[in-house]
Amino acid sequence: MNAIASKIAISIDSGLLDRLDAFIQKKHFKNRSQAIQSVVEEAVGRLEHSRLAEECSKLDFAYERQLADEWRDIEGEEEWSKY
């Protein structure tokens, strides 16, 4: 499934743009749009992963274990064995 692309306007420091163009010339990407989209996608993925890790660090693991054990007792050990 192809996503619909949207055009945006951005400003980039000229030194960074020179580095991007040099990278593109080495044939890592076909054009600026492809390069910028790839970099933004990777950065957003890292930020999302970082957010997930941050939220997971807030969990009380002893409490989560207690809840899982209680649920296991209700469902039965054989239901949990497949996990």
PDB file of N, CA and C in Angstrom:
ATOM      1  N   MET A   1       0.839  -1.176   0.000  1.00  0.00           N
ATOM      2  CA  MET A   1       0.000   0.000   0.000  1.00  0.00           C
ATOM      3  C   MET A   1       0.887   1.243   0.000  1.00  0.00           C
ATOM      4  N   ASN A   2       0.663   2.152  -0.911  1.00  0.00           N
ATOM      5  CA  ASN A   2       1.437   3.379  -0.996  1.00  0.00           C
ATOM      6  C   ASN A   2       0.733   4.490  -0.252  1.00  0.00           C
ATOM      7  N   ALA A   3       1.498   5.203   0.545  1.00  0.00           N
ATOM      8  CA  ALA A   3       0.957   6.353   1.256  1.00  0.00           C
ATOM      9  C   ALA A   3       0.944   7.545   0.313  1.00  0.00           C
ATOM     10  N   ILE A   4       0.036   8.438   0.553  1.00  0.00           N
ATOM     11  CA  ILE A   4      -0.019   9.668  -0.233  1.00  0.00           C
ATOM     12  C   ILE A   4       1.037  10.618   0.310  1.00  0.00           C
ATOM     13  N   ALA A   5       1.852  11.142  -0.576  1.00  0.00           N
ATOM     14  CA  ALA A   5       2.919  12.053  -0.171  1.00  0.00           C
ATOM     15  C   ALA A   5       2.380  13.480  -0.117  1.00  0.00           C
ATOM     16  N   SER A   6       2.887  14.242   0.834  1.00  0.00           N
ATOM     17  CA  SER A   6       2.524  15.652   0.968  1.00  0.00           C
ATOM     18  C   SER A   6       3.779  16.490   0.793  1.00  0.00           C
ATOM     19  N   LYS A   7       3.632  17.608   0.117  1.00  0.00           N
ATOM     20  CA  LYS A   7       4.768  18.513  -0.057  1.00  0.00           C
ATOM     21  C   LYS A   7       4.815  19.465   1.130  1.00  0.00           C
ATOM     22  N   ILE A   8       6.068  19.718   1.594  1.00  0.00           N
ATOM     23  CA  ILE A   8       6.289  20.679   2.670  1.00  0.00           C
ATOM     24  C   ILE A   8       7.477  21.553   2.297  1.00  0.00           C
ATOM     25  N   ALA A   9       7.597  22.675   2.933  1.00  0.00           N
ATOM     26  CA  ALA A   9       8.754  23.548   2.744  1.00  0.00           C
ATOM     27  C   ALA A   9       9.525  23.572   4.058  1.00  0.00           C
ATOM     28  N   ILE A  10      10.842  23.390   3.969  1.00  0.00           N
ATOM     29  CA  ILE A  10      11.675  23.423   5.167  1.00  0.00           C
ATOM     30  C   ILE A  10      12.901  24.289   4.905  1.00  0.00           C
ATOM     31  N   SER A  11      13.503  24.747   5.973  1.00  0.00           N
ATOM     32  CA  SER A  11      14.754  25.493   5.873  1.00  0.00           C
ATOM     33  C   SER A  11      15.851  24.646   6.505  1.00  0.00           C
ATOM     34  N   ILE A  12      16.984  24.537   5.813  1.00  0.00           N
ATOM     35  CA  ILE A  12      18.109  23.740   6.296  1.00  0.00           C
ATOM     36  C   ILE A  12      19.370  24.596   6.194  1.00  0.00           C
ATOM     37  N   ASP A  13      20.187  24.544   7.207  1.00  0.00           N
ATOM     38  CA  ASP A  13      21.473  25.221   7.216  1.00  0.00           C
ATOM     39  C   ASP A  13      22.241  24.845   5.947  1.00  0.00           C
ATOM     40  N   SER A  14      22.873  25.823   5.325  1.00  0.00           N
ATOM     41  CA  SER A  14      23.551  25.565   4.043  1.00  0.00           C
ATOM     42  C   SER A  14      24.666  24.534   4.168  1.00  0.00           C
ATOM     43  N   GLY A  15      25.364  24.521   5.295  1.00  0.00           N
ATOM     44  CA  GLY A  15      26.415  23.519   5.484  1.00  0.00           C
ATOM     45  C   GLY A  15      25.852  22.111   5.543  1.00  0.00           C
ATOM     46  N   LEU A  16      24.735  21.960   6.232  1.00  0.00           N
ATOM     47  CA  LEU A  16      24.086  20.658   6.319  1.00  0.00           C
ATOM     48  C   LEU A  16      23.537  20.236   4.957  1.00  0.00           C
ATOM     49  N   LEU A  17      23.020  21.200   4.213  1.00  0.00           N
ATOM     50  CA  LEU A  17      22.511  20.894   2.874  1.00  0.00           C
ATOM     51  C   LEU A  17      23.635  20.434   1.960  1.00  0.00           C
ATOM     52  N   ASP A  18      24.808  21.055   2.085  1.00  0.00           N
ATOM     53  CA  ASP A  18      25.967  20.615   1.289  1.00  0.00           C
ATOM     54  C   ASP A  18      26.330  19.171   1.634  1.00  0.00           C
ATOM     55  N   ARG A  19      26.307  18.846   2.930  1.00  0.00           N
ATOM     56  CA  ARG A  19      26.616  17.475   3.361  1.00  0.00           C
ATOM     57  C   ARG A  19      25.572  16.499   2.824  1.00  0.00           C
ATOM     58  N   LEU A  20      24.300  16.904   2.860  1.00  0.00           N
ATOM     59  CA  LEU A  20      23.225  16.052   2.340  1.00  0.00           C
ATOM     60  C   LEU A  20      23.417  15.814   0.848  1.00  0.00           C
ATOM     61  N   ASP A  21      23.713  16.872   0.116  1.00  0.00           N
ATOM     62  CA  ASP A  21      23.913  16.729  -1.333  1.00  0.00           C
ATOM     63  C   ASP A  21      25.103  15.829  -1.639  1.00  0.00           C
ATOM     64  N   ALA A  22      26.160  15.936  -0.865  1.00  0.00           N
ATOM     65  CA  ALA A  22      27.325  15.069  -1.072  1.00  0.00           C
ATOM     66  C   ALA A  22      26.948  13.611  -0.808  1.00  0.00           C
ATOM     67  N   PHE A  23      26.154  13.404   0.220  1.00  0.00           N
ATOM     68  CA  PHE A  23      25.686  12.057   0.539  1.00  0.00           C
ATOM     69  C   PHE A  23      24.832  11.503  -0.601  1.00  0.00           C
ATOM     70  N   ILE A  24      23.955  12.334  -1.142  1.00  0.00           N
ATOM     71  CA  ILE A  24      23.090  11.918  -2.254  1.00  0.00           C
ATOM     72  C   ILE A  24      23.940  11.586  -3.484  1.00  0.00           C
ATOM     73  N   GLN A  25      24.973  12.382  -3.738  1.00  0.00           N
ATOM     74  CA  GLN A  25      25.852  12.139  -4.901  1.00  0.00           C
ATOM     75  C   GLN A  25      26.566  10.799  -4.813  1.00  0.00           C
ATOM     76  N   LYS A  26      26.766  10.325  -3.594  1.00  0.00           N
ATOM     77  CA  LYS A  26      27.401   9.011  -3.428  1.00  0.00           C
ATOM     78  C   LYS A  26      26.404   7.889  -3.718  1.00  0.00           C
ATOM     79  N   LYS A  27      25.222   8.283  -4.193  1.00  0.00           N
ATOM     80  CA  LYS A  27      24.165   7.366  -4.627  1.00  0.00           C
ATOM     81  C   LYS A  27      23.494   6.594  -3.488  1.00  0.00           C
ATOM     82  N   HIS A  28      23.487   7.192  -2.319  1.00  0.00           N
ATOM     83  CA  HIS A  28      22.753   6.572  -1.230  1.00  0.00           C
ATOM     84  C   HIS A  28      21.254   6.816  -1.389  1.00  0.00           C
ATOM     85  N   PHE A  29      20.914   7.915  -2.044  1.00  0.00           N
ATOM     86  CA  PHE A  29      19.516   8.273  -2.289  1.00  0.00           C
ATOM     87  C   PHE A  29      19.395   8.852  -3.691  1.00  0.00           C
ATOM     88  N   LYS A  30      18.185   8.801  -4.231  1.00  0.00           N
ATOM     89  CA  LYS A  30      17.958   9.343  -5.573  1.00  0.00           C
ATOM     90  C   LYS A  30      17.889  10.862  -5.574  1.00  0.00           C
ATOM     91  N   ASN A  31      17.340  11.433  -4.491  1.00  0.00           N
ATOM     92  CA  ASN A  31      17.145  12.876  -4.450  1.00  0.00           C
ATOM     93  C   ASN A  31      17.005  13.358  -3.004  1.00  0.00           C
ATOM     94  N   ARG A  32      16.901  14.664  -2.821  1.00  0.00           N
ATOM     95  CA  ARG A  32      16.779  15.245  -1.488  1.00  0.00           C
ATOM     96  C   ARG A  32      15.524  14.753  -0.767  1.00  0.00           C
ATOM     97  N   SER A  33      14.428  14.707  -1.484  1.00  0.00           N
ATOM     98  CA  SER A  33      13.165  14.287  -0.858  1.00  0.00           C
ATOM     99  C   SER A  33      13.279  12.884  -0.267  1.00  0.00           C
ATOM    100  N   GLN A  34      13.829  11.978  -1.037  1.00  0.00           N
ATOM    101  CA  GLN A  34      13.984  10.607  -0.565  1.00  0.00           C
ATOM    102  C   GLN A  34      14.911  10.559   0.655  1.00  0.00           C
ATOM    103  N   ALA A  35      15.999  11.309   0.608  1.00  0.00           N
ATOM    104  CA  ALA A  35      16.949  11.322   1.718  1.00  0.00           C
ATOM    105  C   ALA A  35      16.319  11.900   2.978  1.00  0.00           C
ATOM    106  N   ILE A  36      15.657  13.026   2.845  1.00  0.00           N
ATOM    107  CA  ILE A  36      15.053  13.674   4.008  1.00  0.00           C
ATOM    108  C   ILE A  36      13.933  12.810   4.576  1.00  0.00           C
ATOM    109  N   GLN A  37      13.120  12.224   3.723  1.00  0.00           N
ATOM    110  CA  GLN A  37      12.041  11.355   4.205  1.00  0.00           C
ATOM    111  C   GLN A  37      12.607  10.174   4.980  1.00  0.00           C
ATOM    112  N   SER A  38      13.677   9.578   4.477  1.00  0.00           N
ATOM    113  CA  SER A  38      14.297   8.440   5.154  1.00  0.00           C
ATOM    114  C   SER A  38      14.838   8.832   6.525  1.00  0.00           C
ATOM    115  N   VAL A  39      15.507   9.970   6.584  1.00  0.00           N
ATOM    116  CA  VAL A  39      16.093  10.427   7.842  1.00  0.00           C
ATOM    117  C   VAL A  39      15.001  10.776   8.851  1.00  0.00           C
ATOM    118  N   VAL A  40      13.949  11.444   8.408  1.00  0.00           N
ATOM    119  CA  VAL A  40      12.846  11.797   9.306  1.00  0.00           C
ATOM    120  C   VAL A  40      12.154  10.534   9.812  1.00  0.00           C
ATOM    121  N   GLU A  41      11.937   9.574   8.930  1.00  0.00           N
ATOM    122  CA  GLU A  41      11.301   8.319   9.331  1.00  0.00           C
ATOM    123  C   GLU A  41      12.122   7.600  10.404  1.00  0.00           C
ATOM    124  N   GLU A  42      13.435   7.556  10.211  1.00  0.00           N
ATOM    125  CA  GLU A  42      14.304   6.913  11.193  1.00  0.00           C
ATOM    126  C   GLU A  42      14.284   7.669  12.520  1.00  0.00           C
ATOM    127  N   ALA A  43      14.337   8.988  12.458  1.00  0.00           N
ATOM    128  CA  ALA A  43      14.337   9.797  13.683  1.00  0.00           C
ATOM    129  C   ALA A  43      13.030   9.636  14.447  1.00  0.00           C
ATOM    130  N   VAL A  44      11.916   9.649  13.751  1.00  0.00           N
ATOM    131  CA  VAL A  44      10.621   9.478  14.406  1.00  0.00           C
ATOM    132  C   VAL A  44      10.528   8.090  15.028  1.00  0.00           C
ATOM    133  N   GLY A  45      11.023   7.082  14.329  1.00  0.00           N
ATOM    134  CA  GLY A  45      11.035   5.726  14.880  1.00  0.00           C
ATOM    135  C   GLY A  45      11.842   5.651  16.169  1.00  0.00           C
ATOM    136  N   ARG A  46      12.992   6.312  16.184  1.00  0.00           N
ATOM    137  CA  ARG A  46      13.826   6.321  17.392  1.00  0.00           C
ATOM    138  C   ARG A  46      13.115   7.046  18.529  1.00  0.00           C
ATOM    139  N   LEU A  47      12.481   8.158  18.209  1.00  0.00           N
ATOM    140  CA  LEU A  47      11.760   8.912  19.241  1.00  0.00           C
ATOM    141  C   LEU A  47      10.598   8.096  19.797  1.00  0.00           C
ATOM    142  N   GLU A  48       9.891   7.401  18.917  1.00  0.00           N
ATOM    143  CA  GLU A  48       8.785   6.552  19.381  1.00  0.00           C
ATOM    144  C   GLU A  48       9.300   5.439  20.271  1.00  0.00           C
ATOM    145  N   HIS A  49      10.402   4.831  19.881  1.00  0.00           N
ATOM    146  CA  HIS A  49      10.991   3.754  20.674  1.00  0.00           C
ATOM    147  C   HIS A  49      11.456   4.300  22.023  1.00  0.00           C
ATOM    148  N   SER A  50      12.047   5.481  21.991  1.00  0.00           N
ATOM    149  CA  SER A  50      12.508   6.122  23.212  1.00  0.00           C
ATOM    150  C   SER A  50      11.332   6.401  24.142  1.00  0.00           C
ATOM    151  N   ARG A  51      10.226   6.848  23.570  1.00  0.00           N
ATOM    152  CA  ARG A  51       9.019   7.127  24.369  1.00  0.00           C
ATOM    153  C   ARG A  51       8.484   5.846  24.983  1.00  0.00           C
ATOM    154  N   LEU A  52       8.486   4.756  24.224  1.00  0.00           N
ATOM    155  CA  LEU A  52       8.023   3.469  24.740  1.00  0.00           C
ATOM    156  C   LEU A  52       8.913   3.021  25.892  1.00  0.00           C
ATOM    157  N   ALA A  53      10.213   3.142  25.726  1.00  0.00           N
ATOM    158  CA  ALA A  53      11.140   2.754  26.792  1.00  0.00           C
ATOM    159  C   ALA A  53      10.923   3.616  28.027  1.00  0.00           C
ATOM    160  N   GLU A  54      10.681   4.902  27.813  1.00  0.00           N
ATOM    161  CA  GLU A  54      10.435   5.819  28.933  1.00  0.00           C
ATOM    162  C   GLU A  54       9.172   5.413  29.689  1.00  0.00           C
ATOM    163  N   GLU A  55       8.116   5.105  28.957  1.00  0.00           N
ATOM    164  CA  GLU A  55       6.865   4.709  29.595  1.00  0.00           C
ATOM    165  C   GLU A  55       7.011   3.365  30.310  1.00  0.00           C
ATOM    166  N   CYS A  56       7.736   2.441  29.704  1.00  0.00           N
ATOM    167  CA  CYS A  56       7.951   1.135  30.337  1.00  0.00           C
ATOM    168  C   CYS A  56       8.751   1.264  31.632  1.00  0.00           C
ATOM    169  N   SER A  57       9.655   2.229  31.672  1.00  0.00           N
ATOM    170  CA  SER A  57      10.459   2.404  32.879  1.00  0.00           C
ATOM    171  C   SER A  57       9.617   2.875  34.055  1.00  0.00           C
ATOM    172  N   LYS A  58       8.421   3.385  33.780  1.00  0.00           N
ATOM    173  CA  LYS A  58       7.529   3.856  34.844  1.00  0.00           C
ATOM    174  C   LYS A  58       6.734   2.714  35.479  1.00  0.00           C
ATOM    175  N   LEU A  59       6.769   1.537  34.855  1.00  0.00           N
ATOM    176  CA  LEU A  59       5.986   0.416  35.365  1.00  0.00           C
ATOM    177  C   LEU A  59       6.540  -0.081  36.696  1.00  0.00           C
ATOM    178  N   ASP A  60       5.647  -0.504  37.547  1.00  0.00           N
ATOM    179  CA  ASP A  60       6.017  -1.158  38.800  1.00  0.00           C
ATOM    180  C   ASP A  60       6.026  -2.655  38.491  1.00  0.00           C
ATOM    181  N   PHE A  61       7.219  -3.212  38.274  1.00  0.00           N
ATOM    182  CA  PHE A  61       7.311  -4.586  37.804  1.00  0.00           C
ATOM    183  C   PHE A  61       6.776  -5.592  38.819  1.00  0.00           C
ATOM    184  N   ALA A  62       6.934  -5.314  40.104  1.00  0.00           N
ATOM    185  CA  ALA A  62       6.384  -6.215  41.124  1.00  0.00           C
ATOM    186  C   ALA A  62       4.861  -6.238  41.029  1.00  0.00           C
ATOM    187  N   TYR A  63       4.265  -5.074  40.836  1.00  0.00           N
ATOM    188  CA  TYR A  63       2.805  -4.995  40.707  1.00  0.00           C
ATOM    189  C   TYR A  63       2.337  -5.678  39.426  1.00  0.00           C
ATOM    190  N   GLU A  64       3.055  -5.463  38.326  1.00  0.00           N
ATOM    191  CA  GLU A  64       2.697  -6.098  37.054  1.00  0.00           C
ATOM    192  C   GLU A  64       2.786  -7.619  37.171  1.00  0.00           C
ATOM    193  N   ARG A  65       3.811  -8.118  37.861  1.00  0.00           N
ATOM    194  CA  ARG A  65       3.967  -9.555  38.084  1.00  0.00           C
ATOM    195  C   ARG A  65       2.789 -10.084  38.903  1.00  0.00           C
ATOM    196  N   GLN A  66       2.410  -9.331  39.938  1.00  0.00           N
ATOM    197  CA  GLN A  66       1.280  -9.735  40.779  1.00  0.00           C
ATOM    198  C   GLN A  66       0.003  -9.836  39.948  1.00  0.00           C
ATOM    199  N   LEU A  67      -0.233  -8.858  39.095  1.00  0.00           N
ATOM    200  CA  LEU A  67      -1.424  -8.902  38.232  1.00  0.00           C
ATOM    201  C   LEU A  67      -1.383 -10.110  37.302  1.00  0.00           C
ATOM    202  N   ALA A  68      -0.217 -10.373  36.714  1.00  0.00           N
ATOM    203  CA  ALA A  68      -0.081 -11.515  35.806  1.00  0.00           C
ATOM    204  C   ALA A  68      -0.324 -12.821  36.554  1.00  0.00           C
ATOM    205  N   ASP A  69       0.215 -12.928  37.776  1.00  0.00           N
ATOM    206  CA  ASP A  69       0.013 -14.142  38.564  1.00  0.00           C
ATOM    207  C   ASP A  69      -1.457 -14.326  38.927  1.00  0.00           C
ATOM    208  N   GLU A  70      -2.123 -13.232  39.270  1.00  0.00           N
ATOM    209  CA  GLU A  70      -3.552 -13.317  39.586  1.00  0.00           C
ATOM    210  C   GLU A  70      -4.342 -13.760  38.367  1.00  0.00           C
ATOM    211  N   TRP A  71      -4.027 -13.218  37.216  1.00  0.00           N
ATOM    212  CA  TRP A  71      -4.732 -13.586  35.987  1.00  0.00           C
ATOM    213  C   TRP A  71      -4.452 -15.048  35.631  1.00  0.00           C
ATOM    214  N   ARG A  72      -3.203 -15.475  35.834  1.00  0.00           N
ATOM    215  CA  ARG A  72      -2.846 -16.862  35.567  1.00  0.00           C
ATOM    216  C   ARG A  72      -3.665 -17.795  36.458  1.00  0.00           C
ATOM    217  N   ASP A  73      -3.839 -17.412  37.720  1.00  0.00           N
ATOM    218  CA  ASP A  73      -4.620 -18.229  38.644  1.00  0.00           C
ATOM    219  C   ASP A  73      -6.076 -18.322  38.194  1.00  0.00           C
ATOM    220  N   ILE A  74      -6.601 -17.242  37.617  1.00  0.00           N
ATOM    221  CA  ILE A  74      -7.988 -17.239  37.141  1.00  0.00           C
ATOM    222  C   ILE A  74      -8.113 -18.069  35.865  1.00  0.00           C
ATOM    223  N   GLU A  75      -7.202 -17.877  34.931  1.00  0.00           N
ATOM    224  CA  GLU A  75      -7.256 -18.546  33.634  1.00  0.00           C
ATOM    225  C   GLU A  75      -6.778 -19.988  33.701  1.00  0.00           C
ATOM    226  N   GLY A  76      -5.876 -20.271  34.591  1.00  0.00           N
ATOM    227  CA  GLY A  76      -5.317 -21.619  34.680  1.00  0.00           C
ATOM    228  C   GLY A  76      -3.935 -21.686  34.072  1.00  0.00           C
ATOM    229  N   GLU A  77      -3.101 -22.504  34.636  1.00  0.00           N
ATOM    230  CA  GLU A  77      -1.698 -22.619  34.218  1.00  0.00           C
ATOM    231  C   GLU A  77      -1.582 -23.084  32.761  1.00  0.00           C
ATOM    232  N   GLU A  78      -2.468 -23.989  32.338  1.00  0.00           N
ATOM    233  CA  GLU A  78      -2.364 -24.517  30.963  1.00  0.00           C
ATOM    234  C   GLU A  78      -2.600 -23.441  29.913  1.00  0.00           C
ATOM    235  N   GLU A  79      -3.415 -22.436  30.215  1.00  0.00           N
ATOM    236  CA  GLU A  79      -3.631 -21.342  29.269  1.00  0.00           C
ATOM    237  C   GLU A  79      -2.362 -20.529  29.089  1.00  0.00           C
ATOM    238  N   TRP A  80      -1.580 -20.349  30.153  1.00  0.00           N
ATOM    239  CA  TRP A  80      -0.374 -19.544  30.116  1.00  0.00           C
ATOM    240  C   TRP A  80       0.811 -20.317  29.547  1.00  0.00           C
ATOM    241  N   SER A  81       0.758 -21.632  29.556  1.00  0.00           N
ATOM    242  CA  SER A  81       1.913 -22.394  29.099  1.00  0.00           C
ATOM    243  C   SER A  81       2.228 -22.141  27.631  1.00  0.00           C
ATOM    244  N   LYS A  82       1.220 -21.794  26.826  1.00  0.00           N
ATOM    245  CA  LYS A  82       1.476 -21.537  25.407  1.00  0.00           C
ATOM    246  C   LYS A  82       2.158 -20.190  25.169  1.00  0.00           C
ATOM    247  N   TYR A  83       2.242 -19.364  26.193  1.00  0.00           N
ATOM    248  CA  TYR A  83       2.915 -18.088  26.042  1.00  0.00           C
ATOM    249  C   TYR A  83       4.327 -18.191  26.520  1.00  0.00           C
TER     250      TYR A  83
END
